[in-house]
């Protein structure tokens, strides 16, 4: 009877210990999953901002890639002015180096991320958008990193310890 009780308690302790270990692992992974989800949405937003810029060119009667050229850009979604590609200040002092722009969130916690720190809360996210233009195609890579990761010079996130998302889209001249 004593042996049976010891075996039963041992089995219970092994099962309970496994549940505790799994719970501890889950608590460690949840913040990383949250950051990866936010980063993927910010990367997609970078592509959508470029897509909106190209559509605006079409509405205004310009060629679809008339107001952008190849290189790295800082992009953000402004509240009043709408999505912005900083075409006046491209990050092309060295076109081979991604210029990752720090992103801020309004103090209220609601609204769009911005690149301006005025009244904003610092986030761990930084974003760069690389645009490669052709005659009838624009290739957009939106790169978001967090927690200090830096992608390789070609935007490859595989070398950045996993804290990087690179979303690529091919936009064609549909006019």
Protein backbone atom coordinates (compact mmCIF):
# COMPACT_ATOMS: atom_id res chain seq x y z
CA UNK A 1 0.00 0.00 0.00
CA UNK A 2 2.83 2.41 0.81
CA UNK A 3 4.61 1.58 -2.47
CA UNK A 4 1.40 2.18 -4.43
CA UNK A 5 0.94 5.57 -2.76
CA UNK A 6 4.54 6.58 -3.53
CA UNK A 7 4.14 5.53 -7.18
CA UNK A 8 0.83 7.43 -7.45
CA UNK A 9 2.35 10.57 -5.89
CA UNK A 10 5.39 10.29 -8.20
CA UNK A 11 3.20 10.04 -11.29
CA UNK A 12 1.13 13.00 -10.07
CA UNK A 13 4.29 15.09 -9.41
CA UNK A 14 5.73 14.32 -12.86
CA UNK A 15 2.44 15.33 -14.51
CA UNK A 16 2.10 18.46 -12.40
CA UNK A 17 5.75 19.41 -13.03
CA UNK A 18 5.22 19.03 -16.77
CA UNK A 19 2.19 21.34 -16.64
CA UNK A 20 4.19 23.96 -14.71
CA UNK A 21 7.09 23.76 -17.18
CA UNK A 22 4.72 24.14 -20.12
CA UNK A 23 3.06 27.13 -18.47
CA UNK A 24 6.43 28.79 -17.83
CA UNK A 25 7.42 28.26 -21.47
CA UNK A 26 4.12 29.72 -22.67
CA UNK A 27 4.57 32.81 -20.51
CA UNK A 28 7.99 33.31 -22.07
CA UNK A 29 6.75 32.92 -25.67
CA UNK A 30 3.61 35.11 -25.52
CA UNK A 31 5.44 38.49 -25.59
CA UNK A 32 7.49 37.37 -28.61
CA UNK A 33 4.36 36.25 -30.44
CA UNK A 34 2.72 39.60 -29.68
CA UNK A 35 5.72 41.55 -31.03
CA UNK A 36 5.88 39.38 -34.14
CA UNK A 37 2.18 39.99 -34.83
CA UNK A 38 2.52 43.76 -34.40
CA UNK A 39 5.64 43.79 -36.58
CA UNK A 40 3.91 41.86 -39.37
CA UNK A 41 1.04 44.36 -39.36
CA UNK A 42 3.50 47.30 -39.42
CA UNK A 43 5.37 45.69 -42.33
CA UNK A 44 2.12 45.21 -44.23
CA UNK A 45 1.20 48.84 -43.48
CA UNK A 46 4.50 49.92 -45.09
CA UNK A 47 3.54 48.10 -48.30
CA UNK A 48 0.02 49.56 -48.19
CA UNK A 49 1.40 53.09 -47.83
CA UNK A 50 3.44 52.62 -51.03
CA UNK A 51 0.40 51.09 -52.76
CA UNK A 52 -1.68 54.12 -51.72
CA UNK A 53 1.02 56.46 -53.04
CA UNK A 54 0.99 54.71 -56.44
CA UNK A 55 -2.82 54.83 -56.57
CA UNK A 56 -2.70 58.55 -55.75
CA UNK A 57 -0.31 59.02 -58.69
CA UNK A 58 -2.87 57.33 -60.98
CA UNK A 59 -5.71 59.51 -59.68
CA UNK A 60 -3.66 62.65 -60.31
CA UNK A 61 -2.82 61.50 -63.84
CA UNK A 62 0.89 60.80 -63.23
CA UNK A 63 2.76 57.72 -64.29
CA UNK A 64 2.35 55.10 -61.61
CA UNK A 65 5.96 55.41 -60.41
CA UNK A 66 6.49 59.09 -61.25
CA UNK A 67 7.01 60.43 -57.73
CA UNK A 68 9.14 57.66 -56.27
CA UNK A 69 12.52 56.23 -57.17
CA UNK A 70 14.49 53.27 -55.94
CA UNK A 71 16.06 53.19 -52.50
CA UNK A 72 15.21 53.10 -48.80
CA UNK A 73 12.49 55.38 -47.46
CA UNK A 74 10.94 56.31 -44.17
CA UNK A 75 7.18 55.79 -44.34
CA UNK A 76 4.49 56.42 -41.79
CA UNK A 77 0.76 56.79 -41.56
CA UNK A 78 -0.09 60.32 -40.48
CA UNK A 79 -3.43 61.08 -38.88
CA UNK A 80 -4.43 64.27 -40.71
CA UNK A 81 -2.28 64.01 -43.81
CA UNK A 82 -2.74 60.31 -44.45
CA UNK A 83 -0.03 57.85 -45.47
CA UNK A 84 3.31 59.45 -46.22
CA UNK A 85 6.40 58.33 -48.09
CA UNK A 86 9.13 60.80 -47.27
CA UNK A 87 10.15 61.29 -50.92
CA UNK A 88 11.82 64.62 -50.14
CA UNK A 89 14.18 62.97 -47.70
CA UNK A 90 14.97 59.45 -48.89
CA UNK A 91 17.47 57.47 -46.89
CA UNK A 92 19.76 57.27 -49.87
CA UNK A 93 22.94 58.76 -48.44
CA UNK A 94 24.03 55.12 -48.65
CA UNK A 95 21.40 53.22 -50.66
CA UNK A 96 22.80 49.85 -49.56
CA UNK A 97 22.05 50.40 -45.86
CA UNK A 98 18.49 50.14 -44.54
CA UNK A 99 17.52 53.28 -42.68
CA UNK A 100 15.34 51.86 -39.96
CA UNK A 101 13.13 54.65 -38.60
CA UNK A 102 12.06 54.46 -34.96
CA UNK A 103 8.26 54.21 -34.54
CA UNK A 104 6.29 55.93 -31.79
CA UNK A 105 2.76 55.35 -30.54
CA UNK A 106 0.55 58.19 -29.24
CA UNK A 107 0.46 58.42 -25.43
CA UNK A 108 -3.22 57.50 -25.51
CA UNK A 109 -2.20 54.13 -26.95
CA UNK A 110 -4.72 54.63 -29.74
CA UNK A 111 -4.13 55.72 -33.30
CA UNK A 112 -1.38 55.32 -35.85
CA UNK A 113 2.31 54.74 -35.29
CA UNK A 114 4.40 57.74 -36.30
CA UNK A 115 8.07 58.59 -36.74
CA UNK A 116 7.77 61.72 -34.62
CA UNK A 117 8.45 61.51 -30.90
CA UNK A 118 6.41 64.60 -29.98
CA UNK A 119 3.98 63.42 -27.37
CA UNK A 120 4.53 59.81 -28.34
CA UNK A 121 5.53 56.63 -26.58
CA UNK A 122 8.72 54.94 -27.74
CA UNK A 123 8.14 51.45 -29.16
CA UNK A 124 10.67 48.69 -29.83
CA UNK A 125 9.80 48.78 -33.56
CA UNK A 126 11.77 50.32 -36.41
CA UNK A 127 10.74 50.27 -40.08
CA UNK A 128 12.36 50.85 -43.46
CA UNK A 129 10.79 50.47 -46.88
CA UNK A 130 12.94 49.58 -49.87
CA UNK A 131 11.52 50.47 -53.27
CA UNK A 132 12.90 49.05 -56.51
CA UNK A 133 11.33 50.70 -59.55
CA UNK A 134 11.07 49.40 -63.08
CA UNK A 135 9.15 50.43 -66.20
CA UNK A 136 5.93 48.61 -65.31
CA UNK A 137 6.65 47.23 -61.86
CA UNK A 138 7.55 48.49 -58.40
CA UNK A 139 8.97 45.97 -55.93
CA UNK A 140 8.39 46.98 -52.32
CA UNK A 141 10.13 45.46 -49.30
CA UNK A 142 8.83 46.65 -45.95
CA UNK A 143 11.25 45.68 -43.18
CA UNK A 144 10.32 45.93 -39.50
CA UNK A 145 12.71 45.06 -36.69
CA UNK A 146 12.36 45.12 -32.93
CA UNK A 147 14.51 44.81 -29.83
CA UNK A 148 17.60 46.16 -31.60
CA UNK A 149 17.81 43.66 -34.45
CA UNK A 150 19.40 44.79 -37.69
CA UNK A 151 18.86 42.93 -40.97
CA UNK A 152 21.69 42.34 -43.40
CA UNK A 153 22.38 44.99 -46.03
CA UNK A 154 20.04 43.31 -48.51
CA UNK A 155 17.16 43.33 -46.00
CA UNK A 156 17.54 39.64 -45.23
CA UNK A 157 15.88 38.99 -41.88
CA UNK A 158 17.35 35.51 -41.48
CA UNK A 159 20.54 37.00 -40.02
CA UNK A 160 18.82 39.18 -37.40
CA UNK A 161 18.14 36.67 -34.61
CA UNK A 162 14.50 36.33 -35.63
CA UNK A 163 13.42 39.83 -34.57
CA UNK A 164 12.74 41.01 -38.09
CA UNK A 165 9.90 40.79 -40.62
CA UNK A 166 10.34 41.51 -44.34
CA UNK A 167 7.16 41.75 -46.44
CA UNK A 168 7.65 41.92 -50.20
CA UNK A 169 5.05 42.88 -52.78
CA UNK A 170 5.18 43.45 -56.54
CA UNK A 171 3.01 46.34 -57.73
CA UNK A 172 2.29 46.59 -61.44
CA UNK A 173 1.22 49.45 -63.70
CA UNK A 174 -2.49 48.81 -64.00
CA UNK A 175 -3.42 51.97 -65.92
